[in-house]
Amino acid sequence: MAAYSIDLRKKILSAWQNQEGTQRELAERFKVSLSFIRDFLRRYRETGEITARSQGGDRRSKLKDKEQELLKIMVTEQNDLYLREIQAAIKERACIEVSISSLSRTLNRLKLNRKKKL
């Protein structure tokens, strides 16, 4: 869902500052949810900003070149490690907390196979 426009936000703010109704009445008047009005006005009071907050986040891996080399060495030396063991070793050696799923994606991307000994 797209963020509400700056124009709409200005109209809501102006109506609120002119005390043209309660938050519930403003929500009905401008056809937005009460929670949007409440959160928008709280943010305006705390920061003075009316723009929408950025959405999404950085999805790039925390495992950069040095950590990937460490991962390669670990898996080639001992290819039967569990992902949790690799996770703990990375945290200990490189001081980086990385999720199991991120480790799995990185191993797949680097084409490093782990084979369990039976």
PDB file of N, CA and C in Angstrom:
ATOM      1  N   MET A   1       0.839  -1.179   0.000  1.00  0.00           N
ATOM      2  CA  MET A   1       0.000   0.000   0.000  1.00  0.00           C
ATOM      3  C   MET A   1       0.884   1.243   0.000  1.00  0.00           C
ATOM      4  N   ALA A   2       0.554   2.190  -0.833  1.00  0.00           N
ATOM      5  CA  ALA A   2       1.336   3.420  -0.944  1.00  0.00           C
ATOM      6  C   ALA A   2       1.056   4.339   0.239  1.00  0.00           C
ATOM      7  N   ALA A   3       2.016   5.175   0.553  1.00  0.00           N
ATOM      8  CA  ALA A   3       1.870   6.128   1.646  1.00  0.00           C
ATOM      9  C   ALA A   3       0.887   7.226   1.243  1.00  0.00           C
ATOM     10  N   TYR A   4       0.230   7.800   2.238  1.00  0.00           N
ATOM     11  CA  TYR A   4      -0.677   8.910   1.972  1.00  0.00           C
ATOM     12  C   TYR A   4       0.123  10.124   1.507  1.00  0.00           C
ATOM     13  N   SER A   5      -0.475  10.934   0.642  1.00  0.00           N
ATOM     14  CA  SER A   5       0.228  12.076   0.050  1.00  0.00           C
ATOM     15  C   SER A   5       0.506  13.157   1.092  1.00  0.00           C
ATOM     16  N   ILE A   6       1.488  13.976   0.778  1.00  0.00           N
ATOM     17  CA  ILE A   6       1.846  15.101   1.645  1.00  0.00           C
ATOM     18  C   ILE A   6       0.669  16.067   1.724  1.00  0.00           C
ATOM     19  N   ASP A   7      -0.029  16.246   0.610  1.00  0.00           N
ATOM     20  CA  ASP A   7      -1.171  17.153   0.572  1.00  0.00           C
ATOM     21  C   ASP A   7      -2.245  16.714   1.578  1.00  0.00           C
ATOM     22  N   LEU A   8      -2.575  15.443   1.591  1.00  0.00           N
ATOM     23  CA  LEU A   8      -3.560  14.921   2.538  1.00  0.00           C
ATOM     24  C   LEU A   8      -3.061  15.079   3.965  1.00  0.00           C
ATOM     25  N   ARG A   9      -1.800  14.811   4.190  1.00  0.00           N
ATOM     26  CA  ARG A   9      -1.224  14.949   5.524  1.00  0.00           C
ATOM     27  C   ARG A   9      -1.302  16.409   5.998  1.00  0.00           C
ATOM     28  N   LYS A  10      -1.041  17.352   5.105  1.00  0.00           N
ATOM     29  CA  LYS A  10      -1.133  18.768   5.460  1.00  0.00           C
ATOM     30  C   LYS A  10      -2.561  19.153   5.821  1.00  0.00           C
ATOM     31  N   LYS A  11      -3.535  18.650   5.055  1.00  0.00           N
ATOM     32  CA  LYS A  11      -4.945  18.943   5.328  1.00  0.00           C
ATOM     33  C   LYS A  11      -5.357  18.395   6.696  1.00  0.00           C
ATOM     34  N   ILE A  12      -4.930  17.159   6.982  1.00  0.00           N
ATOM     35  CA  ILE A  12      -5.254  16.549   8.278  1.00  0.00           C
ATOM     36  C   ILE A  12      -4.624  17.347   9.401  1.00  0.00           C
ATOM     37  N   LEU A  13      -3.367  17.730   9.248  1.00  0.00           N
ATOM     38  CA  LEU A  13      -2.662  18.490  10.265  1.00  0.00           C
ATOM     39  C   LEU A  13      -3.319  19.846  10.491  1.00  0.00           C
ATOM     40  N   SER A  14      -3.693  20.509   9.405  1.00  0.00           N
ATOM     41  CA  SER A  14      -4.350  21.810   9.510  1.00  0.00           C
ATOM     42  C   SER A  14      -5.678  21.686  10.252  1.00  0.00           C
ATOM     43  N   ALA A  15      -6.459  20.675   9.906  1.00  0.00           N
ATOM     44  CA  ALA A  15      -7.748  20.462  10.571  1.00  0.00           C
ATOM     45  C   ALA A  15      -7.545  20.167  12.051  1.00  0.00           C
ATOM     46  N   TRP A  16      -6.529  19.392  12.371  1.00  0.00           N
ATOM     47  CA  TRP A  16      -6.259  19.060  13.774  1.00  0.00           C
ATOM     48  C   TRP A  16      -5.816  20.304  14.548  1.00  0.00           C
ATOM     49  N   GLN A  17      -4.941  21.120  13.935  1.00  0.00           N
ATOM     50  CA  GLN A  17      -4.455  22.327  14.598  1.00  0.00           C
ATOM     51  C   GLN A  17      -5.573  23.358  14.801  1.00  0.00           C
ATOM     52  N   ASN A  18      -6.549  23.372  13.875  1.00  0.00           N
ATOM     53  CA  ASN A  18      -7.692  24.285  13.991  1.00  0.00           C
ATOM     54  C   ASN A  18      -8.806  23.696  14.852  1.00  0.00           C
ATOM     55  N   GLN A  19      -8.546  22.551  15.437  1.00  0.00           N
ATOM     56  CA  GLN A  19      -9.492  21.857  16.320  1.00  0.00           C
ATOM     57  C   GLN A  19     -10.854  21.670  15.654  1.00  0.00           C
ATOM     58  N   GLU A  20     -10.817  21.130  14.431  1.00  0.00           N
ATOM     59  CA  GLU A  20     -12.037  20.928  13.659  1.00  0.00           C
ATOM     60  C   GLU A  20     -12.696  19.587  13.961  1.00  0.00           C
ATOM     61  N   GLY A  21     -12.235  18.895  14.961  1.00  0.00           N
ATOM     62  CA  GLY A  21     -12.861  17.639  15.344  1.00  0.00           C
ATOM     63  C   GLY A  21     -11.886  16.762  16.103  1.00  0.00           C
ATOM     64  N   THR A  22     -12.422  15.681  16.621  1.00  0.00           N
ATOM     65  CA  THR A  22     -11.587  14.709  17.323  1.00  0.00           C
ATOM     66  C   THR A  22     -10.795  13.899  16.302  1.00  0.00           C
ATOM     67  N   GLN A  23      -9.883  13.106  16.801  1.00  0.00           N
ATOM     68  CA  GLN A  23      -9.116  12.251  15.893  1.00  0.00           C
ATOM     69  C   GLN A  23     -10.049  11.306  15.151  1.00  0.00           C
ATOM     70  N   ARG A  24     -11.035  10.773  15.838  1.00  0.00           N
ATOM     71  CA  ARG A  24     -12.001   9.863  15.201  1.00  0.00           C
ATOM     72  C   ARG A  24     -12.779  10.582  14.104  1.00  0.00           C
ATOM     73  N   GLU A  25     -13.206  11.806  14.371  1.00  0.00           N
ATOM     74  CA  GLU A  25     -13.951  12.579  13.369  1.00  0.00           C
ATOM     75  C   GLU A  25     -13.067  12.921  12.174  1.00  0.00           C
ATOM     76  N   LEU A  26     -11.805  13.248  12.440  1.00  0.00           N
ATOM     77  CA  LEU A  26     -10.877  13.539  11.336  1.00  0.00           C
ATOM     78  C   LEU A  26     -10.655  12.301  10.477  1.00  0.00           C
ATOM     79  N   ALA A  27     -10.565  11.143  11.113  1.00  0.00           N
ATOM     80  CA  ALA A  27     -10.377   9.900  10.365  1.00  0.00           C
ATOM     81  C   ALA A  27     -11.566   9.654   9.442  1.00  0.00           C
ATOM     82  N   GLU A  28     -12.767   9.861   9.955  1.00  0.00           N
ATOM     83  CA  GLU A  28     -13.966   9.677   9.125  1.00  0.00           C
ATOM     84  C   GLU A  28     -14.019  10.710   8.008  1.00  0.00           C
ATOM     85  N   ARG A  29     -13.715  11.945   8.335  1.00  0.00           N
ATOM     86  CA  ARG A  29     -13.773  13.039   7.358  1.00  0.00           C
ATOM     87  C   ARG A  29     -12.807  12.823   6.196  1.00  0.00           C
ATOM     88  N   PHE A  30     -11.587  12.382   6.505  1.00  0.00           N
ATOM     89  CA  PHE A  30     -10.572  12.227   5.462  1.00  0.00           C
ATOM     90  C   PHE A  30     -10.472  10.793   4.936  1.00  0.00           C
ATOM     91  N   LYS A  31     -11.360   9.934   5.401  1.00  0.00           N
ATOM     92  CA  LYS A  31     -11.436   8.543   4.924  1.00  0.00           C
ATOM     93  C   LYS A  31     -10.123   7.777   5.130  1.00  0.00           C
ATOM     94  N   VAL A  32      -9.561   7.929   6.331  1.00  0.00           N
ATOM     95  CA  VAL A  32      -8.368   7.173   6.713  1.00  0.00           C
ATOM     96  C   VAL A  32      -8.665   6.491   8.043  1.00  0.00           C
ATOM     97  N   SER A  33      -7.794   5.603   8.454  1.00  0.00           N
ATOM     98  CA  SER A  33      -8.030   4.884   9.705  1.00  0.00           C
ATOM     99  C   SER A  33      -7.673   5.759  10.911  1.00  0.00           C
ATOM    100  N   LEU A  34      -8.313   5.449  12.009  1.00  0.00           N
ATOM    101  CA  LEU A  34      -8.036   6.151  13.252  1.00  0.00           C
ATOM    102  C   LEU A  34      -6.587   5.934  13.680  1.00  0.00           C
ATOM    103  N   SER A  35      -6.082   4.721  13.477  1.00  0.00           N
ATOM    104  CA  SER A  35      -4.693   4.440  13.868  1.00  0.00           C
ATOM    105  C   SER A  35      -3.715   5.278  13.046  1.00  0.00           C
ATOM    106  N   PHE A  36      -4.029   5.528  11.763  1.00  0.00           N
ATOM    107  CA  PHE A  36      -3.156   6.396  10.968  1.00  0.00           C
ATOM    108  C   PHE A  36      -3.125   7.792  11.559  1.00  0.00           C
ATOM    109  N   ILE A  37      -4.303   8.345  11.878  1.00  0.00           N
ATOM    110  CA  ILE A  37      -4.385   9.687  12.455  1.00  0.00           C
ATOM    111  C   ILE A  37      -3.596   9.746  13.760  1.00  0.00           C
ATOM    112  N   ARG A  38      -3.826   8.773  14.621  1.00  0.00           N
ATOM    113  CA  ARG A  38      -3.167   8.750  15.929  1.00  0.00           C
ATOM    114  C   ARG A  38      -1.646   8.686  15.767  1.00  0.00           C
ATOM    115  N   ASP A  39      -1.167   7.764  14.927  1.00  0.00           N
ATOM    116  CA  ASP A  39       0.278   7.603  14.724  1.00  0.00           C
ATOM    117  C   ASP A  39       0.896   8.815  14.023  1.00  0.00           C
ATOM    118  N   PHE A  40       0.178   9.365  13.051  1.00  0.00           N
ATOM    119  CA  PHE A  40       0.655  10.534  12.310  1.00  0.00           C
ATOM    120  C   PHE A  40       0.813  11.727  13.243  1.00  0.00           C
ATOM    121  N   LEU A  41      -0.203  11.988  14.058  1.00  0.00           N
ATOM    122  CA  LEU A  41      -0.137  13.136  14.961  1.00  0.00           C
ATOM    123  C   LEU A  41       0.905  12.931  16.056  1.00  0.00           C
ATOM    124  N   ARG A  42       1.046  11.709  16.538  1.00  0.00           N
ATOM    125  CA  ARG A  42       2.077  11.431  17.542  1.00  0.00           C
ATOM    126  C   ARG A  42       3.454  11.701  16.958  1.00  0.00           C
ATOM    127  N   ARG A  43       3.669  11.225  15.738  1.00  0.00           N
ATOM    128  CA  ARG A  43       4.968  11.445  15.090  1.00  0.00           C
ATOM    129  C   ARG A  43       5.213  12.927  14.849  1.00  0.00           C
ATOM    130  N   TYR A  44       4.163  13.647  14.463  1.00  0.00           N
ATOM    131  CA  TYR A  44       4.317  15.084  14.240  1.00  0.00           C
ATOM    132  C   TYR A  44       4.677  15.799  15.541  1.00  0.00           C
ATOM    133  N   ARG A  45       4.018  15.440  16.633  1.00  0.00           N
ATOM    134  CA  ARG A  45       4.314  16.073  17.928  1.00  0.00           C
ATOM    135  C   ARG A  45       5.734  15.759  18.390  1.00  0.00           C
ATOM    136  N   GLU A  46       6.197  14.540  18.150  1.00  0.00           N
ATOM    137  CA  GLU A  46       7.520  14.125  18.625  1.00  0.00           C
ATOM    138  C   GLU A  46       8.664  14.621  17.747  1.00  0.00           C
ATOM    139  N   THR A  47       8.456  14.623  16.425  1.00  0.00           N
ATOM    140  CA  THR A  47       9.564  14.950  15.519  1.00  0.00           C
ATOM    141  C   THR A  47       9.325  16.186  14.661  1.00  0.00           C
ATOM    142  N   GLY A  48       8.067  16.602  14.518  1.00  0.00           N
ATOM    143  CA  GLY A  48       7.754  17.733  13.658  1.00  0.00           C
ATOM    144  C   GLY A  48       7.697  17.362  12.187  1.00  0.00           C
ATOM    145  N   GLU A  49       7.798  16.066  11.870  1.00  0.00           N
ATOM    146  CA  GLU A  49       7.786  15.611  10.478  1.00  0.00           C
ATOM    147  C   GLU A  49       6.392  15.175  10.069  1.00  0.00           C
ATOM    148  N   ILE A  50       6.054  15.468   8.803  1.00  0.00           N
ATOM    149  CA  ILE A  50       4.769  14.995   8.286  1.00  0.00           C
ATOM    150  C   ILE A  50       4.949  14.018   7.121  1.00  0.00           C
ATOM    151  N   THR A  51       6.170  13.849   6.692  1.00  0.00           N
ATOM    152  CA  THR A  51       6.414  12.923   5.588  1.00  0.00           C
ATOM    153  C   THR A  51       6.285  11.482   6.065  1.00  0.00           C
ATOM    154  N   ALA A  52       6.046  10.592   5.137  1.00  0.00           N
ATOM    155  CA  ALA A  52       5.934   9.173   5.471  1.00  0.00           C
ATOM    156  C   ALA A  52       7.301   8.615   5.823  1.00  0.00           C
ATOM    157  N   ARG A  53       7.300   7.667   6.740  1.00  0.00           N
ATOM    158  CA  ARG A  53       8.555   6.986   7.077  1.00  0.00           C
ATOM    159  C   ARG A  53       8.958   6.092   5.918  1.00  0.00           C
ATOM    160  N   SER A  54      10.239   5.889   5.769  1.00  0.00           N
ATOM    161  CA  SER A  54      10.693   5.004   4.701  1.00  0.00           C
ATOM    162  C   SER A  54      10.253   3.578   5.013  1.00  0.00           C
ATOM    163  N   GLN A  55       9.947   2.838   3.975  1.00  0.00           N
ATOM    164  CA  GLN A  55       9.483   1.474   4.148  1.00  0.00           C
ATOM    165  C   GLN A  55      10.508   0.507   3.596  1.00  0.00           C
ATOM    166  N   GLY A  56      10.501  -0.691   4.144  1.00  0.00           N
ATOM    167  CA  GLY A  56      11.454  -1.691   3.699  1.00  0.00           C
ATOM    168  C   GLY A  56      12.778  -1.506   4.404  1.00  0.00           C
ATOM    169  N   GLY A  57      13.705  -2.313   4.049  1.00  0.00           N
ATOM    170  CA  GLY A  57      14.996  -2.227   4.706  1.00  0.00           C
ATOM    171  C   GLY A  57      16.092  -2.776   3.823  1.00  0.00           C
ATOM    172  N   ASP A  58      17.266  -2.771   4.357  1.00  0.00           N
ATOM    173  CA  ASP A  58      18.429  -3.268   3.634  1.00  0.00           C
ATOM    174  C   ASP A  58      18.443  -4.777   3.700  1.00  0.00           C
ATOM    175  N   ARG A  59      18.370  -5.444   2.575  1.00  0.00           N
ATOM    176  CA  ARG A  59      18.308  -6.890   2.534  1.00  0.00           C
ATOM    177  C   ARG A  59      19.636  -7.518   2.122  1.00  0.00           C
ATOM    178  N   ARG A  60      20.684  -6.721   2.061  1.00  0.00           N
ATOM    179  CA  ARG A  60      21.973  -7.277   1.675  1.00  0.00           C
ATOM    180  C   ARG A  60      22.551  -8.104   2.811  1.00  0.00           C
ATOM    181  N   SER A  61      23.307  -9.082   2.457  1.00  0.00           N
ATOM    182  CA  SER A  61      23.879  -9.985   3.444  1.00  0.00           C
ATOM    183  C   SER A  61      24.935  -9.288   4.284  1.00  0.00           C
ATOM    184  N   LYS A  62      25.017  -9.678   5.546  1.00  0.00           N
ATOM    185  CA  LYS A  62      26.051  -9.168   6.429  1.00  0.00           C
ATOM    186  C   LYS A  62      27.390  -9.842   6.146  1.00  0.00           C
ATOM    187  N   LEU A  63      27.346 -10.963   5.444  1.00  0.00           N
ATOM    188  CA  LEU A  63      28.556 -11.720   5.158  1.00  0.00           C
ATOM    189  C   LEU A  63      29.265 -11.126   3.943  1.00  0.00           C
ATOM    190  N   LYS A  64      30.287 -10.338   4.208  1.00  0.00           N
ATOM    191  CA  LYS A  64      31.060  -9.710   3.138  1.00  0.00           C
ATOM    192  C   LYS A  64      32.218 -10.628   2.741  1.00  0.00           C
ATOM    193  N   ASP A  65      33.168 -10.107   1.994  1.00  0.00           N
ATOM    194  CA  ASP A  65      34.258 -10.908   1.430  1.00  0.00           C
ATOM    195  C   ASP A  65      35.034 -11.701   2.479  1.00  0.00           C
ATOM    196  N   LYS A  66      35.450 -11.034   3.572  1.00  0.00           N
ATOM    197  CA  LYS A  66      36.236 -11.729   4.598  1.00  0.00           C
ATOM    198  C   LYS A  66      35.440 -12.862   5.232  1.00  0.00           C
ATOM    199  N   GLU A  67      34.186 -12.577   5.549  1.00  0.00           N
ATOM    200  CA  GLU A  67      33.346 -13.586   6.195  1.00  0.00           C
ATOM    201  C   GLU A  67      33.027 -14.733   5.238  1.00  0.00           C
ATOM    202  N   GLN A  68      32.868 -14.414   3.958  1.00  0.00           N
ATOM    203  CA  GLN A  68      32.612 -15.468   2.972  1.00  0.00           C
ATOM    204  C   GLN A  68      33.831 -16.372   2.823  1.00  0.00           C
ATOM    205  N   GLU A  69      35.013 -15.790   2.874  1.00  0.00           N
ATOM    206  CA  GLU A  69      36.234 -16.605   2.816  1.00  0.00           C
ATOM    207  C   GLU A  69      36.321 -17.509   4.038  1.00  0.00           C
ATOM    208  N   LEU A  70      35.998 -16.968   5.198  1.00  0.00           N
ATOM    209  CA  LEU A  70      35.972 -17.763   6.425  1.00  0.00           C
ATOM    210  C   LEU A  70      34.971 -18.905   6.299  1.00  0.00           C
ATOM    211  N   LEU A  71      33.822 -18.610   5.737  1.00  0.00           N
ATOM    212  CA  LEU A  71      32.787 -19.622   5.521  1.00  0.00           C
ATOM    213  C   LEU A  71      33.288 -20.716   4.584  1.00  0.00           C
ATOM    214  N   LYS A  72      33.943 -20.327   3.503  1.00  0.00           N
ATOM    215  CA  LYS A  72      34.492 -21.305   2.565  1.00  0.00           C
ATOM    216  C   LYS A  72      35.498 -22.223   3.248  1.00  0.00           C
ATOM    217  N   ILE A  73      36.383 -21.629   4.028  1.00  0.00           N
ATOM    218  CA  ILE A  73      37.396 -22.421   4.732  1.00  0.00           C
ATOM    219  C   ILE A  73      36.745 -23.400   5.702  1.00  0.00           C
ATOM    220  N   MET A  74      35.779 -22.901   6.469  1.00  0.00           N
ATOM    221  CA  MET A  74      35.109 -23.757   7.450  1.00  0.00           C
ATOM    222  C   MET A  74      34.414 -24.939   6.794  1.00  0.00           C
ATOM    223  N   VAL A  75      33.714 -24.693   5.706  1.00  0.00           N
ATOM    224  CA  VAL A  75      32.944 -25.758   5.052  1.00  0.00           C
ATOM    225  C   VAL A  75      33.853 -26.729   4.313  1.00  0.00           C
ATOM    226  N   THR A  76      34.934 -26.250   3.717  1.00  0.00           N
ATOM    227  CA  THR A  76      35.835 -27.170   3.024  1.00  0.00           C
ATOM    228  C   THR A  76      36.615 -28.040   4.012  1.00  0.00           C
ATOM    229  N   GLU A  77      36.979 -27.481   5.150  1.00  0.00           N
ATOM    230  CA  GLU A  77      37.693 -28.272   6.159  1.00  0.00           C
ATOM    231  C   GLU A  77      36.794 -29.300   6.835  1.00  0.00           C
ATOM    232  N   GLN A  78      35.570 -28.910   7.098  1.00  0.00           N
ATOM    233  CA  GLN A  78      34.649 -29.797   7.806  1.00  0.00           C
ATOM    234  C   GLN A  78      33.261 -29.604   7.204  1.00  0.00           C
ATOM    235  N   ASN A  79      32.941 -30.419   6.202  1.00  0.00           N
ATOM    236  CA  ASN A  79      31.713 -30.207   5.448  1.00  0.00           C
ATOM    237  C   ASN A  79      30.460 -30.801   6.103  1.00  0.00           C
ATOM    238  N   ASP A  80      30.579 -31.331   7.300  1.00  0.00           N
ATOM    239  CA  ASP A  80      29.395 -31.892   7.945  1.00  0.00           C
ATOM    240  C   ASP A  80      28.903 -31.024   9.111  1.00  0.00           C
ATOM    241  N   LEU A  81      29.299 -29.766   9.122  1.00  0.00           N
ATOM    242  CA  LEU A  81      28.864 -28.852  10.175  1.00  0.00           C
ATOM    243  C   LEU A  81      27.379 -28.514  10.015  1.00  0.00           C
ATOM    244  N   TYR A  82      26.701 -28.397  11.134  1.00  0.00           N
ATOM    245  CA  TYR A  82      25.331 -27.914  11.117  1.00  0.00           C
ATOM    246  C   TYR A  82      25.348 -26.410  10.918  1.00  0.00           C
ATOM    247  N   LEU A  83      24.262 -25.873  10.377  1.00  0.00           N
ATOM    248  CA  LEU A  83      24.191 -24.427  10.168  1.00  0.00           C
ATOM    249  C   LEU A  83      24.310 -23.673  11.492  1.00  0.00           C
ATOM    250  N   ARG A  84      23.761 -24.239  12.552  1.00  0.00           N
ATOM    251  CA  ARG A  84      23.866 -23.589  13.868  1.00  0.00           C
ATOM    252  C   ARG A  84      25.320 -23.533  14.341  1.00  0.00           C
ATOM    253  N   GLU A  85      26.080 -24.568  14.036  1.00  0.00           N
ATOM    254  CA  GLU A  85      27.499 -24.571  14.402  1.00  0.00           C
ATOM    255  C   GLU A  85      28.260 -23.520  13.594  1.00  0.00           C
ATOM    256  N   ILE A  86      27.926 -23.404  12.332  1.00  0.00           N
ATOM    257  CA  ILE A  86      28.560 -22.384  11.486  1.00  0.00           C
ATOM    258  C   ILE A  86      28.186 -20.997  11.998  1.00  0.00           C
ATOM    259  N   GLN A  87      26.922 -20.839  12.356  1.00  0.00           N
ATOM    260  CA  GLN A  87      26.437 -19.562  12.882  1.00  0.00           C
ATOM    261  C   GLN A  87      27.222 -19.155  14.139  1.00  0.00           C
ATOM    262  N   ALA A  88      27.401 -20.093  15.044  1.00  0.00           N
ATOM    263  CA  ALA A  88      28.142 -19.809  16.289  1.00  0.00           C
ATOM    264  C   ALA A  88      29.598 -19.475  15.991  1.00  0.00           C
ATOM    265  N   ALA A  89      30.204 -20.198  15.058  1.00  0.00           N
ATOM    266  CA  ALA A  89      31.608 -19.955  14.712  1.00  0.00           C
ATOM    267  C   ALA A  89      31.788 -18.574  14.068  1.00  0.00           C
ATOM    268  N   ILE A  90      30.866 -18.197  13.200  1.00  0.00           N
ATOM    269  CA  ILE A  90      30.928 -16.877  12.558  1.00  0.00           C
ATOM    270  C   ILE A  90      30.784 -15.783  13.619  1.00  0.00           C
ATOM    271  N   LYS A  91      29.874 -16.008  14.556  1.00  0.00           N
ATOM    272  CA  LYS A  91      29.670 -15.020  15.626  1.00  0.00           C
ATOM    273  C   LYS A  91      30.930 -14.883  16.474  1.00  0.00           C
ATOM    274  N   GLU A  92      31.561 -16.006  16.767  1.00  0.00           N
ATOM    275  CA  GLU A  92      32.763 -16.000  17.597  1.00  0.00           C
ATOM    276  C   GLU A  92      33.967 -15.399  16.869  1.00  0.00           C
ATOM    277  N   ARG A  93      34.184 -15.819  15.626  1.00  0.00           N
ATOM    278  CA  ARG A  93      35.386 -15.405  14.896  1.00  0.00           C
ATOM    279  C   ARG A  93      35.275 -14.028  14.247  1.00  0.00           C
ATOM    280  N   ALA A  94      34.094 -13.738  13.682  1.00  0.00           N
ATOM    281  CA  ALA A  94      33.949 -12.483  12.935  1.00  0.00           C
ATOM    282  C   ALA A  94      33.108 -11.450  13.678  1.00  0.00           C
ATOM    283  N   CYS A  95      32.572 -11.807  14.841  1.00  0.00           N
ATOM    284  CA  CYS A  95      31.747 -10.900  15.645  1.00  0.00           C
ATOM    285  C   CYS A  95      30.538 -10.380  14.865  1.00  0.00           C
ATOM    286  N   ILE A  96      29.919 -11.258  14.079  1.00  0.00           N
ATOM    287  CA  ILE A  96      28.736 -10.897  13.307  1.00  0.00           C
ATOM    288  C   ILE A  96      27.642 -11.901  13.614  1.00  0.00           C
ATOM    289  N   GLU A  97      26.454 -11.378  13.932  1.00  0.00           N
ATOM    290  CA  GLU A  97      25.308 -12.256  14.116  1.00  0.00           C
ATOM    291  C   GLU A  97      24.580 -12.354  12.788  1.00  0.00           C
ATOM    292  N   VAL A  98      24.421 -13.560  12.317  1.00  0.00           N
ATOM    293  CA  VAL A  98      23.771 -13.788  11.035  1.00  0.00           C
ATOM    294  C   VAL A  98      22.752 -14.906  11.214  1.00  0.00           C
ATOM    295  N   SER A  99      21.642 -14.825  10.504  1.00  0.00           N
ATOM    296  CA  SER A  99      20.582 -15.820  10.662  1.00  0.00           C
ATOM    297  C   SER A  99      20.935 -17.110   9.922  1.00  0.00           C
ATOM    298  N   ILE A 100      20.261 -18.170  10.323  1.00  0.00           N
ATOM    299  CA  ILE A 100      20.439 -19.473   9.681  1.00  0.00           C
ATOM    300  C   ILE A 100      20.055 -19.381   8.203  1.00  0.00           C
ATOM    301  N   SER A 101      18.945 -18.703   7.922  1.00  0.00           N
ATOM    302  CA  SER A 101      18.501 -18.606   6.527  1.00  0.00           C
ATOM    303  C   SER A 101      19.493 -17.823   5.673  1.00  0.00           C
ATOM    304  N   SER A 102      20.093 -16.793   6.247  1.00  0.00           N
ATOM    305  CA  SER A 102      21.099 -16.026   5.519  1.00  0.00           C
ATOM    306  C   SER A 102      22.330 -16.886   5.229  1.00  0.00           C
ATOM    307  N   LEU A 103      22.720 -17.684   6.211  1.00  0.00           N
ATOM    308  CA  LEU A 103      23.848 -18.606   5.998  1.00  0.00           C
ATOM    309  C   LEU A 103      23.531 -19.587   4.881  1.00  0.00           C
ATOM    310  N   SER A 104      22.333 -20.133   4.911  1.00  0.00           N
ATOM    311  CA  SER A 104      21.929 -21.105   3.895  1.00  0.00           C
ATOM    312  C   SER A 104      21.952 -20.477   2.498  1.00  0.00           C
ATOM    313  N   ARG A 105      21.406 -19.254   2.377  1.00  0.00           N
ATOM    314  CA  ARG A 105      21.414 -18.563   1.077  1.00  0.00           C
ATOM    315  C   ARG A 105      22.834 -18.291   0.606  1.00  0.00           C
ATOM    316  N   THR A 106      23.698 -17.880   1.528  1.00  0.00           N
ATOM    317  CA  THR A 106      25.093 -17.599   1.160  1.00  0.00           C
ATOM    318  C   THR A 106      25.800 -18.867   0.712  1.00  0.00           C
ATOM    319  N   LEU A 107      25.589 -19.964   1.417  1.00  0.00           N
ATOM    320  CA  LEU A 107      26.201 -21.239   1.013  1.00  0.00           C
ATOM    321  C   LEU A 107      25.716 -21.657  -0.372  1.00  0.00           C
ATOM    322  N   ASN A 108      24.434 -21.491  -0.634  1.00  0.00           N
ATOM    323  CA  ASN A 108      23.894 -21.827  -1.963  1.00  0.00           C
ATOM    324  C   ASN A 108      24.488 -20.923  -3.037  1.00  0.00           C
ATOM    325  N   ARG A 109      24.592 -19.637  -2.734  1.00  0.00           N
ATOM    326  CA  ARG A 109      25.137 -18.696  -3.709  1.00  0.00           C
ATOM    327  C   ARG A 109      26.599 -18.991  -4.023  1.00  0.00           C
ATOM    328  N   LEU A 110      27.361 -19.414  -3.000  1.00  0.00           N
ATOM    329  CA  LEU A 110      28.771 -19.747  -3.186  1.00  0.00           C
ATOM    330  C   LEU A 110      28.967 -21.182  -3.691  1.00  0.00           C
ATOM    331  N   LYS A 111      27.864 -21.899  -3.847  1.00  0.00           N
ATOM    332  CA  LYS A 111      27.866 -23.305  -4.314  1.00  0.00           C
ATOM    333  C   LYS A 111      28.720 -24.178  -3.397  1.00  0.00           C
ATOM    334  N   LEU A 112      28.564 -23.962  -2.103  1.00  0.00           N
ATOM    335  CA  LEU A 112      29.253 -24.779  -1.107  1.00  0.00           C
ATOM    336  C   LEU A 112      28.263 -25.805  -0.578  1.00  0.00           C
ATOM    337  N   ASN A 113      28.583 -27.066  -0.788  1.00  0.00           N
ATOM    338  CA  ASN A 113      27.708 -28.132  -0.330  1.00  0.00           C
ATOM    339  C   ASN A 113      28.180 -28.670   1.004  1.00  0.00           C
ATOM    340  N   ARG A 114      27.203 -28.958   1.839  1.00  0.00           N
ATOM    341  CA  ARG A 114      27.510 -29.604   3.115  1.00  0.00           C
ATOM    342  C   ARG A 114      26.922 -30.991   3.050  1.00  0.00           C
ATOM    343  N   LYS A 115      27.718 -31.962   3.396  1.00  0.00           N
ATOM    344  CA  LYS A 115      27.232 -33.327   3.352  1.00  0.00           C
ATOM    345  C   LYS A 115      27.393 -33.940   4.735  1.00  0.00           C
ATOM    346  N   LYS A 116      26.315 -34.482   5.212  1.00  0.00           N
ATOM    347  CA  LYS A 116      26.342 -35.114   6.523  1.00  0.00           C
ATOM    348  C   LYS A 116      26.989 -36.484   6.419  1.00  0.00           C
ATOM    349  N   LYS A 117      27.806 -36.796   7.417  1.00  0.00           N
ATOM    350  CA  LYS A 117      28.397 -38.134   7.477  1.00  0.00           C
ATOM    351  C   LYS A 117      27.360 -39.067   8.085  1.00  0.00           C
ATOM    352  N   LEU A 118      27.182 -40.198   7.472  1.00  0.00           N
ATOM    353  CA  LEU A 118      26.225 -41.178   7.994  1.00  0.00           C
ATOM    354  C   LEU A 118      26.925 -42.345   8.624  1.00  0.00           C
TER     355      LEU A 118
END
